[in-house]
Amino acid sequence: IDYLTGDKLSSGKKEALAFPKSNVLQYITDDK
């Protein structure tokens, strides 16, 4: 999840985030 570009990449699919732009990155794994 990249809050700067406004994109969430999940299982190869890109979704738009409903957040204002911000310089934050998140990595989420399959074990939460």
Full PDB file with SEQRES, HELIX, SHEET, SSBOND, CRYST1, ORIGX, SCALE, CONECT and MASTER records, all heavy atoms in Angstrom:
SEQRES   1 A   32  ILE ASP TYR LEU THR GLY ASP LYS LEU SER SER GLY LYS          
SEQRES   2 A   32  LYS GLU ALA LEU ALA PHE PRO LYS SER ASN VAL LEU GLN          
SEQRES   3 A   32  TYR ILE THR ASP ASP LYS                                      
SHEET    1 AA1 2 ASP A   7  SER A  10  0                                        
SHEET    2 AA1 2 LYS A  13  ALA A  16 -1                                        
CRYST1    1.000    1.000    1.000  90.00  90.00  90.00 P 1           1          
ORIGX1      1.000000  0.000000  0.000000        0.00000                         
ORIGX2      0.000000  1.000000  0.000000        0.00000                         
ORIGX3      0.000000  0.000000  1.000000        0.00000                         
SCALE1      1.000000  0.000000  0.000000        0.00000                         
SCALE2      0.000000  1.000000  0.000000        0.00000                         
SCALE3      0.000000  0.000000  1.000000        0.00000                         
ATOM      1  N   ILE A   1       0.857  -1.191   0.000  1.00  0.00           N  
ATOM      2  CA  ILE A   1       0.000   0.000   0.000  1.00  0.00           C  
ATOM      3  C   ILE A   1       0.890   1.236   0.000  1.00  0.00           C  
ATOM      4  O   ILE A   1       1.735   1.401   0.878  1.00  0.00           O  
ATOM      5  CB  ILE A   1      -0.931   0.012   1.231  1.00  0.00           C  
ATOM      6  CG1 ILE A   1      -1.744  -1.292   1.294  1.00  0.00           C  
ATOM      7  CG2 ILE A   1      -1.860   1.214   1.186  1.00  0.00           C  
ATOM      8  CD1 ILE A   1      -2.580  -1.438   2.560  1.00  0.00           C  
ATOM      9  N   ASP A   2       0.693   2.082  -0.994  1.00  0.00           N  
ATOM     10  CA  ASP A   2       1.496   3.297  -1.140  1.00  0.00           C  
ATOM     11  C   ASP A   2       0.561   4.504  -1.063  1.00  0.00           C  
ATOM     12  O   ASP A   2      -0.188   4.792  -2.006  1.00  0.00           O  
ATOM     13  CB  ASP A   2       2.242   3.286  -2.473  1.00  0.00           C  
ATOM     14  CG  ASP A   2       3.275   4.403  -2.577  1.00  0.00           C  
ATOM     15  OD1 ASP A   2       3.124   5.406  -1.854  1.00  0.00           O  
ATOM     16  OD2 ASP A   2       4.218   4.275  -3.378  1.00  0.00           O  
ATOM     17  N   TYR A   3       0.592   5.191   0.058  1.00  0.00           N  
ATOM     18  CA  TYR A   3      -0.314   6.318   0.269  1.00  0.00           C  
ATOM     19  C   TYR A   3       0.134   7.567  -0.484  1.00  0.00           C  
ATOM     20  O   TYR A   3      -0.628   8.528  -0.582  1.00  0.00           O  
ATOM     21  CB  TYR A   3      -0.439   6.607   1.764  1.00  0.00           C  
ATOM     22  CG  TYR A   3      -1.145   5.503   2.521  1.00  0.00           C  
ATOM     23  CD1 TYR A   3      -0.439   4.410   3.019  1.00  0.00           C  
ATOM     24  CD2 TYR A   3      -2.524   5.542   2.731  1.00  0.00           C  
ATOM     25  CE1 TYR A   3      -1.082   3.389   3.709  1.00  0.00           C  
ATOM     26  CE2 TYR A   3      -3.177   4.531   3.413  1.00  0.00           C  
ATOM     27  CZ  TYR A   3      -2.448   3.452   3.900  1.00  0.00           C  
ATOM     28  OH  TYR A   3      -3.091   2.443   4.574  1.00  0.00           O  
ATOM     29  N   LEU A   4       1.360   7.546  -1.025  1.00  0.00           N  
ATOM     30  CA  LEU A   4       1.836   8.680  -1.807  1.00  0.00           C  
ATOM     31  C   LEU A   4       1.300   8.628  -3.233  1.00  0.00           C  
ATOM     32  O   LEU A   4       0.857   9.636  -3.786  1.00  0.00           O  
ATOM     33  CB  LEU A   4       3.365   8.732  -1.817  1.00  0.00           C  
ATOM     34  CG  LEU A   4       3.993   9.994  -2.398  1.00  0.00           C  
ATOM     35  CD1 LEU A   4       3.567  11.235  -1.608  1.00  0.00           C  
ATOM     36  CD2 LEU A   4       5.511   9.879  -2.405  1.00  0.00           C  
ATOM     37  N   THR A   5       1.316   7.436  -3.826  1.00  0.00           N  
ATOM     38  CA  THR A   5       0.753   7.276  -5.171  1.00  0.00           C  
ATOM     39  C   THR A   5      -0.753   7.053  -5.116  1.00  0.00           C  
ATOM     40  O   THR A   5      -1.448   7.198  -6.117  1.00  0.00           O  
ATOM     41  CB  THR A   5       1.410   6.088  -5.896  1.00  0.00           C  
ATOM     42  OG1 THR A   5       1.130   4.871  -5.182  1.00  0.00           O  
ATOM     43  CG2 THR A   5       2.915   6.277  -5.997  1.00  0.00           C  
ATOM     44  N   GLY A   6      -1.248   6.652  -3.911  1.00  0.00           N  
ATOM     45  CA  GLY A   6      -2.675   6.391  -3.760  1.00  0.00           C  
ATOM     46  C   GLY A   6      -3.090   5.025  -4.268  1.00  0.00           C  
ATOM     47  O   GLY A   6      -4.258   4.828  -4.632  1.00  0.00           O  
ATOM     48  N   ASP A   7      -2.144   4.070  -4.282  1.00  0.00           N  
ATOM     49  CA  ASP A   7      -2.417   2.742  -4.832  1.00  0.00           C  
ATOM     50  C   ASP A   7      -2.256   1.640  -3.795  1.00  0.00           C  
ATOM     51  O   ASP A   7      -1.361   1.701  -2.934  1.00  0.00           O  
ATOM     52  CB  ASP A   7      -1.460   2.431  -5.988  1.00  0.00           C  
ATOM     53  CG  ASP A   7      -1.658   3.361  -7.171  1.00  0.00           C  
ATOM     54  OD1 ASP A   7      -2.818   3.729  -7.434  1.00  0.00           O  
ATOM     55  OD2 ASP A   7      -0.656   3.724  -7.811  1.00  0.00           O  
ATOM     56  N   LYS A   8      -3.120   0.624  -3.896  1.00  0.00           N  
ATOM     57  CA  LYS A   8      -2.951  -0.613  -3.130  1.00  0.00           C  
ATOM     58  C   LYS A   8      -2.811  -1.753  -4.128  1.00  0.00           C  
ATOM     59  O   LYS A   8      -3.698  -1.985  -4.952  1.00  0.00           O  
ATOM     60  CB  LYS A   8      -4.143  -0.860  -2.204  1.00  0.00           C  
ATOM     61  CG  LYS A   8      -4.027  -2.182  -1.439  1.00  0.00           C  
ATOM     62  CD  LYS A   8      -5.067  -2.311  -0.331  1.00  0.00           C  
ATOM     63  CE  LYS A   8      -6.365  -2.832  -0.862  1.00  0.00           C  
ATOM     64  NZ  LYS A   8      -7.309  -3.208   0.234  1.00  0.00           N  
ATOM     65  N   LEU A   9      -1.663  -2.437  -4.059  1.00  0.00           N  
ATOM     66  CA  LEU A   9      -1.406  -3.569  -4.945  1.00  0.00           C  
ATOM     67  C   LEU A   9      -1.649  -4.844  -4.158  1.00  0.00           C  
ATOM     68  O   LEU A   9      -0.928  -5.160  -3.209  1.00  0.00           O  
ATOM     69  CB  LEU A   9       0.034  -3.532  -5.463  1.00  0.00           C  
ATOM     70  CG  LEU A   9       0.380  -4.483  -6.601  1.00  0.00           C  
ATOM     71  CD1 LEU A   9      -0.441  -4.169  -7.846  1.00  0.00           C  
ATOM     72  CD2 LEU A   9       1.877  -4.409  -6.909  1.00  0.00           C  
ATOM     73  N   SER A  10      -2.687  -5.587  -4.523  1.00  0.00           N  
ATOM     74  CA  SER A  10      -3.075  -6.792  -3.800  1.00  0.00           C  
ATOM     75  C   SER A  10      -3.291  -7.932  -4.778  1.00  0.00           C  
ATOM     76  O   SER A  10      -4.143  -7.856  -5.662  1.00  0.00           O  
ATOM     77  CB  SER A  10      -4.365  -6.518  -3.007  1.00  0.00           C  
ATOM     78  OG  SER A  10      -4.771  -7.663  -2.301  1.00  0.00           O  
ATOM     79  N   SER A  11      -2.465  -9.003  -4.613  1.00  0.00           N  
ATOM     80  CA  SER A  11      -2.559 -10.178  -5.499  1.00  0.00           C  
ATOM     81  C   SER A  11      -2.509  -9.786  -6.966  1.00  0.00           C  
ATOM     82  O   SER A  11      -3.272 -10.290  -7.793  1.00  0.00           O  
ATOM     83  CB  SER A  11      -3.845 -10.976  -5.206  1.00  0.00           C  
ATOM     84  OG  SER A  11      -3.890 -11.354  -3.860  1.00  0.00           O  
ATOM     85  N   GLY A  12      -1.644  -8.847  -7.280  1.00  0.00           N  
ATOM     86  CA  GLY A  12      -1.454  -8.422  -8.661  1.00  0.00           C  
ATOM     87  C   GLY A  12      -2.473  -7.415  -9.166  1.00  0.00           C  
ATOM     88  O   GLY A  12      -2.367  -6.922 -10.284  1.00  0.00           O  
ATOM     89  N   LYS A  13      -3.483  -7.096  -8.337  1.00  0.00           N  
ATOM     90  CA  LYS A  13      -4.511  -6.134  -8.747  1.00  0.00           C  
ATOM     91  C   LYS A  13      -4.290  -4.797  -8.049  1.00  0.00           C  
ATOM     92  O   LYS A  13      -3.997  -4.744  -6.861  1.00  0.00           O  
ATOM     93  CB  LYS A  13      -5.902  -6.670  -8.391  1.00  0.00           C  
ATOM     94  CG  LYS A  13      -6.288  -7.932  -9.158  1.00  0.00           C  
ATOM     95  CD  LYS A  13      -7.672  -8.401  -8.750  1.00  0.00           C  
ATOM     96  CE  LYS A  13      -8.064  -9.677  -9.492  1.00  0.00           C  
ATOM     97  NZ  LYS A  13      -9.400 -10.184  -9.052  1.00  0.00           N  
ATOM     98  N   LYS A  14      -4.448  -3.726  -8.814  1.00  0.00           N  
ATOM     99  CA  LYS A  14      -4.243  -2.383  -8.271  1.00  0.00           C  
ATOM    100  C   LYS A  14      -5.577  -1.726  -7.943  1.00  0.00           C  
ATOM    101  O   LYS A  14      -6.502  -1.733  -8.750  1.00  0.00           O  
ATOM    102  CB  LYS A  14      -3.470  -1.528  -9.273  1.00  0.00           C  
ATOM    103  CG  LYS A  14      -3.037  -0.174  -8.722  1.00  0.00           C  
ATOM    104  CD  LYS A  14      -2.265   0.632  -9.753  1.00  0.00           C  
ATOM    105  CE  LYS A  14      -0.838   0.150  -9.896  1.00  0.00           C  
ATOM    106  NZ  LYS A  14      -0.019   1.080 -10.712  1.00  0.00           N  
ATOM    107  N   GLU A  15      -5.668  -1.192  -6.733  1.00  0.00           N  
ATOM    108  CA  GLU A  15      -6.866  -0.470  -6.303  1.00  0.00           C  
ATOM    109  C   GLU A  15      -6.484   0.945  -5.887  1.00  0.00           C  
ATOM    110  O   GLU A  15      -5.381   1.181  -5.390  1.00  0.00           O  
ATOM    111  CB  GLU A  15      -7.519  -1.159  -5.096  1.00  0.00           C  
ATOM    112  CG  GLU A  15      -8.028  -2.564  -5.338  1.00  0.00           C  
ATOM    113  CD  GLU A  15      -8.574  -3.166  -4.052  1.00  0.00           C  
ATOM    114  OE1 GLU A  15      -9.171  -2.422  -3.242  1.00  0.00           O  
ATOM    115  OE2 GLU A  15      -8.390  -4.375  -3.838  1.00  0.00           O  
ATOM    116  N   ALA A  16      -7.429   1.876  -6.057  1.00  0.00           N  
ATOM    117  CA  ALA A  16      -7.197   3.252  -5.613  1.00  0.00           C  
ATOM    118  C   ALA A  16      -7.569   3.389  -4.140  1.00  0.00           C  
ATOM    119  O   ALA A  16      -8.541   2.789  -3.677  1.00  0.00           O  
ATOM    120  CB  ALA A  16      -8.015   4.213  -6.458  1.00  0.00           C  
ATOM    121  N   LEU A  17      -6.783   4.157  -3.397  1.00  0.00           N  
ATOM    122  CA  LEU A  17      -7.045   4.372  -1.978  1.00  0.00           C  
ATOM    123  C   LEU A  17      -7.925   5.602  -1.771  1.00  0.00           C  
ATOM    124  O   LEU A  17      -7.804   6.581  -2.499  1.00  0.00           O  
ATOM    125  CB  LEU A  17      -5.726   4.589  -1.222  1.00  0.00           C  
ATOM    126  CG  LEU A  17      -4.726   3.429  -1.210  1.00  0.00           C  
ATOM    127  CD1 LEU A  17      -3.420   3.904  -0.586  1.00  0.00           C  
ATOM    128  CD2 LEU A  17      -5.281   2.247  -0.426  1.00  0.00           C  
ATOM    129  N   ALA A  18      -8.785   5.533  -0.764  1.00  0.00           N  
ATOM    130  CA  ALA A  18      -9.654   6.667  -0.438  1.00  0.00           C  
ATOM    131  C   ALA A  18      -9.024   7.501   0.679  1.00  0.00           C  
ATOM    132  O   ALA A  18      -9.642   7.774   1.706  1.00  0.00           O  
ATOM    133  CB  ALA A  18     -11.028   6.163  -0.024  1.00  0.00           C  
ATOM    134  N   PHE A  19      -7.769   7.892   0.489  1.00  0.00           N  
ATOM    135  CA  PHE A  19      -7.045   8.685   1.467  1.00  0.00           C  
ATOM    136  C   PHE A  19      -6.361   9.850   0.764  1.00  0.00           C  
ATOM    137  O   PHE A  19      -5.980   9.732  -0.399  1.00  0.00           O  
ATOM    138  CB  PHE A  19      -5.952   7.848   2.161  1.00  0.00           C  
ATOM    139  CG  PHE A  19      -6.451   6.839   3.155  1.00  0.00           C  
ATOM    140  CD1 PHE A  19      -6.759   5.544   2.759  1.00  0.00           C  
ATOM    141  CD2 PHE A  19      -6.592   7.175   4.495  1.00  0.00           C  
ATOM    142  CE1 PHE A  19      -7.211   4.608   3.670  1.00  0.00           C  
ATOM    143  CE2 PHE A  19      -7.027   6.250   5.418  1.00  0.00           C  
ATOM    144  CZ  PHE A  19      -7.347   4.961   5.013  1.00  0.00           C  
ATOM    145  N   PRO A  20      -6.149  10.948   1.470  1.00  0.00           N  
ATOM    146  CA  PRO A  20      -5.286  11.998   0.908  1.00  0.00           C  
ATOM    147  C   PRO A  20      -3.872  11.444   0.720  1.00  0.00           C  
ATOM    148  O   PRO A  20      -3.475  10.482   1.384  1.00  0.00           O  
ATOM    149  CB  PRO A  20      -5.293  13.089   2.002  1.00  0.00           C  
ATOM    150  CG  PRO A  20      -6.495  12.804   2.838  1.00  0.00           C  
ATOM    151  CD  PRO A  20      -6.692  11.330   2.789  1.00  0.00           C  
ATOM    152  N   LYS A  21      -3.117  12.045  -0.189  1.00  0.00           N  
ATOM    153  CA  LYS A  21      -1.755  11.571  -0.456  1.00  0.00           C  
ATOM    154  C   LYS A  21      -0.855  11.821   0.766  1.00  0.00           C  
ATOM    155  O   LYS A  21      -0.908  12.879   1.388  1.00  0.00           O  
ATOM    156  CB  LYS A  21      -1.170  12.291  -1.675  1.00  0.00           C  
ATOM    157  CG  LYS A  21      -1.948  12.057  -2.976  1.00  0.00           C  
ATOM    158  CD  LYS A  21      -1.818  10.636  -3.475  1.00  0.00           C  
ATOM    159  CE  LYS A  21      -2.663  10.380  -4.723  1.00  0.00           C  
ATOM    160  NZ  LYS A  21      -2.180  11.093  -5.912  1.00  0.00           N  
ATOM    161  N   SER A  22      -0.035  10.822   1.086  1.00  0.00           N  
ATOM    162  CA  SER A  22       0.878  10.943   2.220  1.00  0.00           C  
ATOM    163  C   SER A  22       2.054  10.001   2.000  1.00  0.00           C  
ATOM    164  O   SER A  22       1.898   8.905   1.432  1.00  0.00           O  
ATOM    165  CB  SER A  22       0.156  10.575   3.523  1.00  0.00           C  
ATOM    166  OG  SER A  22       0.999  10.759   4.644  1.00  0.00           O  
ATOM    167  N   ASN A  23       3.229  10.392   2.447  1.00  0.00           N  
ATOM    168  CA  ASN A  23       4.440   9.618   2.197  1.00  0.00           C  
ATOM    169  C   ASN A  23       4.552   8.445   3.180  1.00  0.00           C  
ATOM    170  O   ASN A  23       5.363   8.449   4.105  1.00  0.00           O  
ATOM    171  CB  ASN A  23       5.670  10.517   2.292  1.00  0.00           C  
ATOM    172  CG  ASN A  23       6.917   9.833   1.744  1.00  0.00           C  
ATOM    173  OD1 ASN A  23       6.853   8.760   1.134  1.00  0.00           O  
ATOM    174  ND2 ASN A  23       8.063  10.451   1.954  1.00  0.00           N  
ATOM    175  N   VAL A  24       3.699   7.441   2.970  1.00  0.00           N  
ATOM    176  CA  VAL A  24       3.654   6.246   3.828  1.00  0.00           C  
ATOM    177  C   VAL A  24       3.601   5.010   2.949  1.00  0.00           C  
ATOM    178  O   VAL A  24       2.876   4.972   1.948  1.00  0.00           O  
ATOM    179  CB  VAL A  24       2.419   6.252   4.756  1.00  0.00           C  
ATOM    180  CG1 VAL A  24       2.458   5.069   5.720  1.00  0.00           C  
ATOM    181  CG2 VAL A  24       2.302   7.555   5.515  1.00  0.00           C  
ATOM    182  N   LEU A  25       4.366   4.001   3.334  1.00  0.00           N  
ATOM    183  CA  LEU A  25       4.343   2.692   2.666  1.00  0.00           C  
ATOM    184  C   LEU A  25       3.931   1.631   3.663  1.00  0.00           C  
ATOM    185  O   LEU A  25       4.328   1.690   4.838  1.00  0.00           O  
ATOM    186  CB  LEU A  25       5.737   2.331   2.146  1.00  0.00           C  
ATOM    187  CG  LEU A  25       6.175   2.853   0.788  1.00  0.00           C  
ATOM    188  CD1 LEU A  25       7.654   2.514   0.582  1.00  0.00           C  
ATOM    189  CD2 LEU A  25       5.348   2.219  -0.328  1.00  0.00           C  
ATOM    190  N   GLN A  26       3.153   0.647   3.202  1.00  0.00           N  
ATOM    191  CA  GLN A  26       2.823  -0.488   4.057  1.00  0.00           C  
ATOM    192  C   GLN A  26       2.979  -1.792   3.288  1.00  0.00           C  
ATOM    193  O   GLN A  26       2.602  -1.895   2.117  1.00  0.00           O  
ATOM    194  CB  GLN A  26       1.381  -0.387   4.570  1.00  0.00           C  
ATOM    195  CG  GLN A  26       1.194   0.685   5.634  1.00  0.00           C  
ATOM    196  CD  GLN A  26      -0.208   0.692   6.208  1.00  0.00           C  
ATOM    197  OE1 GLN A  26      -1.196   0.519   5.496  1.00  0.00           O  
ATOM    198  NE2 GLN A  26      -0.327   0.922   7.514  1.00  0.00           N  
ATOM    199  N   TYR A  27       3.554  -2.778   3.984  1.00  0.00           N  
ATOM    200  CA  TYR A  27       3.647  -4.141   3.470  1.00  0.00           C  
ATOM    201  C   TYR A  27       2.826  -5.039   4.394  1.00  0.00           C  
ATOM    202  O   TYR A  27       3.003  -5.009   5.611  1.00  0.00           O  
ATOM    203  CB  TYR A  27       5.089  -4.644   3.460  1.00  0.00           C  
ATOM    204  CG  TYR A  27       6.091  -3.757   2.758  1.00  0.00           C  
ATOM    205  CD1 TYR A  27       7.322  -3.476   3.353  1.00  0.00           C  
ATOM    206  CD2 TYR A  27       5.825  -3.203   1.510  1.00  0.00           C  
ATOM    207  CE1 TYR A  27       8.264  -2.678   2.724  1.00  0.00           C  
ATOM    208  CE2 TYR A  27       6.753  -2.398   0.870  1.00  0.00           C  
ATOM    209  CZ  TYR A  27       7.971  -2.128   1.480  1.00  0.00           C  
ATOM    210  OH  TYR A  27       8.895  -1.334   0.861  1.00  0.00           O  
ATOM    211  N   ILE A  28       1.937  -5.834   3.821  1.00  0.00           N  
ATOM    212  CA  ILE A  28       1.113  -6.751   4.612  1.00  0.00           C  
ATOM    213  C   ILE A  28       1.331  -8.165   4.090  1.00  0.00           C  
ATOM    214  O   ILE A  28       1.286  -8.408   2.880  1.00  0.00           O  
ATOM    215  CB  ILE A  28      -0.369  -6.365   4.533  1.00  0.00           C  
ATOM    216  CG1 ILE A  28      -0.551  -4.955   5.126  1.00  0.00           C  
ATOM    217  CG2 ILE A  28      -1.244  -7.369   5.286  1.00  0.00           C  
ATOM    218  CD1 ILE A  28      -1.897  -4.346   4.914  1.00  0.00           C  
ATOM    219  N   THR A  29       1.582  -9.102   5.010  1.00  0.00           N  
ATOM    220  CA  THR A  29       1.876 -10.486   4.625  1.00  0.00           C  
ATOM    221  C   THR A  29       0.669 -11.386   4.863  1.00  0.00           C  
ATOM    222  O   THR A  29      -0.319 -10.978   5.477  1.00  0.00           O  
ATOM    223  CB  THR A  29       3.079 -11.028   5.418  1.00  0.00           C  
ATOM    224  OG1 THR A  29       2.673 -11.247   6.773  1.00  0.00           O  
ATOM    225  CG2 THR A  29       4.258 -10.071   5.378  1.00  0.00           C  
ATOM    226  N   ASP A  30       0.775 -12.618   4.389  1.00  0.00           N  
ATOM    227  CA  ASP A  30      -0.358 -13.535   4.497  1.00  0.00           C  
ATOM    228  C   ASP A  30      -0.601 -14.044   5.920  1.00  0.00           C  
ATOM    229  O   ASP A  30      -1.609 -14.681   6.191  1.00  0.00           O  
ATOM    230  CB  ASP A  30      -0.225 -14.713   3.515  1.00  0.00           C  
ATOM    231  CG  ASP A  30       1.019 -15.551   3.759  1.00  0.00           C  
ATOM    232  OD1 ASP A  30       1.739 -15.278   4.733  1.00  0.00           O  
ATOM    233  OD2 ASP A  30       1.274 -16.468   2.964  1.00  0.00           O  
ATOM    234  N   ASP A  31       0.313 -13.754   6.864  1.00  0.00           N  
ATOM    235  CA  ASP A  31       0.054 -14.138   8.261  1.00  0.00           C  
ATOM    236  C   ASP A  31      -0.310 -12.912   9.113  1.00  0.00           C  
ATOM    237  O   ASP A  31      -0.181 -12.926  10.329  1.00  0.00           O  
ATOM    238  CB  ASP A  31       1.243 -14.884   8.862  1.00  0.00           C  
ATOM    239  CG  ASP A  31       2.484 -14.006   9.037  1.00  0.00           C  
ATOM    240  OD1 ASP A  31       2.460 -12.841   8.569  1.00  0.00           O  
ATOM    241  OD2 ASP A  31       3.465 -14.470   9.633  1.00  0.00           O  
ATOM    242  N   LYS A  32      -0.780 -11.844   8.430  1.00  0.00           N  
ATOM    243  CA  LYS A  32      -1.283 -10.621   9.064  1.00  0.00           C  
ATOM    244  C   LYS A  32      -0.183  -9.755   9.691  1.00  0.00           C  
ATOM    245  O   LYS A  32      -0.473  -8.865  10.490  1.00  0.00           O  
ATOM    246  CB  LYS A  32      -2.375 -10.932  10.090  1.00  0.00           C  
ATOM    247  CG  LYS A  32      -3.634 -11.522   9.470  1.00  0.00           C  
ATOM    248  CD  LYS A  32      -4.772 -11.545  10.466  1.00  0.00           C  
ATOM    249  CE  LYS A  32      -6.057 -12.032   9.789  1.00  0.00           C  
ATOM    250  NZ  LYS A  32      -7.197 -12.070  10.723  1.00  0.00           N  
TER     251      LYS A  32                                                      
MASTER        0    0    0    0    2    0    0    6  250    1    0    3          
END                                                                             
